[in-house]
Amino acid sequence: MTKTFKEYLESFTKIFMDEFTAYSDMDSHLQNLRLCFQKCKEYGISLNANKSALILVSPNLQVEFHVHTNGSLLLVGAMLFHNLIGKNMFIGF
């Protein structure tokens, strides 16, 4: 994965094991996703729509994050929130 996205790392892509995350501002996000999808096609990487997370609010590194977790013996889940305008705004899984 790192080899596939090396030119985008630290610019708008992060890699964790066999997953990648594309992040950017609203103006460039669709173009950045297209670039990532092109790389997936080029390297034969298949995407699982069931594992894909939708980012609803762009993360703001100047604002405190809240992590909500849930776990069992089989799975662990987490959701990331910002407290904006007096309420928790969902960022992603």
C-alpha atoms as a PDB file:
ATOM      1  CA  MET A   1       0.000   0.000   0.000  1.00  0.00           C
ATOM      2  CA  THR A   2       2.748   2.434   0.871  1.00  0.00           C
ATOM      3  CA  LYS A   3       4.384   1.874  -2.520  1.00  0.00           C
ATOM      4  CA  THR A   4       1.068   2.408  -4.298  1.00  0.00           C
ATOM      5  CA  PHE A   5       0.293   5.762  -2.671  1.00  0.00           C
ATOM      6  CA  LYS A   6       3.846   6.989  -1.958  1.00  0.00           C
ATOM      7  CA  GLU A   7       3.438  10.193  -3.992  1.00  0.00           C
ATOM      8  CA  TYR A   8       0.281  11.109  -2.030  1.00  0.00           C
ATOM      9  CA  LEU A   9       1.484  10.245   1.484  1.00  0.00           C
ATOM     10  CA  GLU A  10       1.463  13.168   3.894  1.00  0.00           C
ATOM     11  CA  SER A  11      -0.198  15.266   1.191  1.00  0.00           C
ATOM     12  CA  PHE A  12      -3.722  13.807   1.300  1.00  0.00           C
ATOM     13  CA  THR A  13      -3.376  10.080   2.016  1.00  0.00           C
ATOM     14  CA  LYS A  14      -2.587   8.015   5.109  1.00  0.00           C
ATOM     15  CA  ILE A  15      -1.893   4.261   5.151  1.00  0.00           C
ATOM     16  CA  PHE A  16      -2.635   1.851   7.986  1.00  0.00           C
ATOM     17  CA  MET A  17      -1.878  -1.810   7.251  1.00  0.00           C
ATOM     18  CA  ASP A  18      -4.123  -2.708   4.275  1.00  0.00           C
ATOM     19  CA  GLU A  19      -6.283   0.436   4.381  1.00  0.00           C
ATOM     20  CA  PHE A  20      -5.865   3.928   3.037  1.00  0.00           C
ATOM     21  CA  THR A  21      -7.585   7.172   3.970  1.00  0.00           C
ATOM     22  CA  ALA A  22      -7.855  10.156   1.676  1.00  0.00           C
ATOM     23  CA  TYR A  23      -8.358  13.512   3.360  1.00  0.00           C
ATOM     24  CA  SER A  24      -8.541  17.032   1.978  1.00  0.00           C
ATOM     25  CA  ASP A  25     -10.602  20.178   1.908  1.00  0.00           C
ATOM     26  CA  MET A  26     -13.965  20.184   0.161  1.00  0.00           C
ATOM     27  CA  ASP A  27     -12.602  21.877  -2.969  1.00  0.00           C
ATOM     28  CA  SER A  28     -10.008  19.194  -3.766  1.00  0.00           C
ATOM     29  CA  HIS A  29     -11.491  16.061  -2.173  1.00  0.00           C
ATOM     30  CA  LEU A  30     -13.203  14.639  -5.266  1.00  0.00           C
ATOM     31  CA  GLN A  31     -10.063  15.080  -7.349  1.00  0.00           C
ATOM     32  CA  ASN A  32      -7.948  13.421  -4.644  1.00  0.00           C
ATOM     33  CA  LEU A  33     -10.380  10.489  -4.452  1.00  0.00           C
ATOM     34  CA  ARG A  34     -10.161  10.109  -8.242  1.00  0.00           C
ATOM     35  CA  LEU A  35      -6.368   9.948  -7.980  1.00  0.00           C
ATOM     36  CA  CYS A  36      -6.606   7.274  -5.270  1.00  0.00           C
ATOM     37  CA  PHE A  37      -9.135   5.259  -7.273  1.00  0.00           C
ATOM     38  CA  GLN A  38      -6.865   5.456 -10.336  1.00  0.00           C
ATOM     39  CA  LYS A  39      -3.992   4.046  -8.261  1.00  0.00           C
ATOM     40  CA  CYS A  40      -6.242   1.241  -7.013  1.00  0.00           C
ATOM     41  CA  LYS A  41      -7.150   0.373 -10.591  1.00  0.00           C
ATOM     42  CA  GLU A  42      -3.515   0.597 -11.732  1.00  0.00           C
ATOM     43  CA  TYR A  43      -2.262  -1.720  -8.953  1.00  0.00           C
ATOM     44  CA  GLY A  44      -5.271  -4.070  -8.962  1.00  0.00           C
ATOM     45  CA  ILE A  45      -6.455  -3.081  -5.491  1.00  0.00           C
ATOM     46  CA  SER A  46     -10.108  -3.952  -4.919  1.00  0.00           C
ATOM     47  CA  LEU A  47     -12.266  -1.826  -2.656  1.00  0.00           C
ATOM     48  CA  ASN A  48     -14.835  -3.138  -0.189  1.00  0.00           C
ATOM     49  CA  ALA A  49     -17.807  -0.769  -0.033  1.00  0.00           C
ATOM     50  CA  ASN A  50     -18.872  -2.320   3.299  1.00  0.00           C
ATOM     51  CA  LYS A  51     -15.573  -1.218   4.899  1.00  0.00           C
ATOM     52  CA  SER A  52     -15.590   2.271   3.409  1.00  0.00           C
ATOM     53  CA  ALA A  53     -16.192   5.120   5.825  1.00  0.00           C
ATOM     54  CA  LEU A  54     -17.796   8.376   4.883  1.00  0.00           C
ATOM     55  CA  ILE A  55     -16.262  11.486   6.380  1.00  0.00           C
ATOM     56  CA  LEU A  56     -19.059  13.911   7.156  1.00  0.00           C
ATOM     57  CA  VAL A  57     -17.042  16.758   8.673  1.00  0.00           C
ATOM     58  CA  SER A  58     -13.470  17.668   7.787  1.00  0.00           C
ATOM     59  CA  PRO A  59     -11.224  17.176  10.836  1.00  0.00           C
ATOM     60  CA  ASN A  60      -9.976  20.382  12.427  1.00  0.00           C
ATOM     61  CA  LEU A  61      -6.701  19.729  14.253  1.00  0.00           C
ATOM     62  CA  GLN A  62      -7.224  22.855  16.358  1.00  0.00           C
ATOM     63  CA  VAL A  63     -10.399  21.438  17.962  1.00  0.00           C
ATOM     64  CA  GLU A  64     -10.580  18.694  20.575  1.00  0.00           C
ATOM     65  CA  PHE A  65     -11.521  15.221  19.301  1.00  0.00           C
ATOM     66  CA  HIS A  66     -13.885  12.800  21.030  1.00  0.00           C
ATOM     67  CA  VAL A  67     -13.533   9.061  20.432  1.00  0.00           C
ATOM     68  CA  HIS A  68     -16.503   6.797  21.137  1.00  0.00           C
ATOM     69  CA  THR A  69     -15.653   3.098  21.304  1.00  0.00           C
ATOM     70  CA  ASN A  70     -17.516  -0.166  21.546  1.00  0.00           C
ATOM     71  CA  GLY A  71     -15.933  -3.579  21.828  1.00  0.00           C
ATOM     72  CA  SER A  72     -16.544  -7.265  22.289  1.00  0.00           C
ATOM     73  CA  LEU A  73     -14.413 -10.398  22.190  1.00  0.00           C
ATOM     74  CA  LEU A  74     -14.681 -10.379  18.385  1.00  0.00           C
ATOM     75  CA  LEU A  75     -14.768  -6.748  17.265  1.00  0.00           C
ATOM     76  CA  VAL A  76     -13.736  -3.275  18.309  1.00  0.00           C
ATOM     77  CA  GLY A  77     -15.353  -0.204  16.802  1.00  0.00           C
ATOM     78  CA  ALA A  78     -14.623   3.474  17.181  1.00  0.00           C
ATOM     79  CA  MET A  79     -16.181   6.700  15.958  1.00  0.00           C
ATOM     80  CA  LEU A  80     -14.457  10.074  15.885  1.00  0.00           C
ATOM     81  CA  PHE A  81     -16.290  13.308  16.697  1.00  0.00           C
ATOM     82  CA  HIS A  82     -15.573  17.023  17.053  1.00  0.00           C
ATOM     83  CA  ASN A  83     -17.568  19.156  19.441  1.00  0.00           C
ATOM     84  CA  LEU A  84     -18.582  22.004  17.150  1.00  0.00           C
ATOM     85  CA  ILE A  85     -21.335  24.578  17.646  1.00  0.00           C
ATOM     86  CA  GLY A  86     -22.287  22.915  20.910  1.00  0.00           C
ATOM     87  CA  LYS A  87     -22.881  19.411  19.553  1.00  0.00           C
ATOM     88  CA  ASN A  88     -20.824  16.391  18.543  1.00  0.00           C
ATOM     89  CA  MET A  89     -20.252  16.339  14.786  1.00  0.00           C
ATOM     90  CA  PHE A  90     -19.429  12.909  13.333  1.00  0.00           C
ATOM     91  CA  ILE A  91     -16.112  12.761  11.469  1.00  0.00           C
ATOM     92  CA  GLY A  92     -15.660   9.069  10.664  1.00  0.00           C
ATOM     93  CA  PHE A  93     -15.201   5.466  11.768  1.00  0.00           C
END
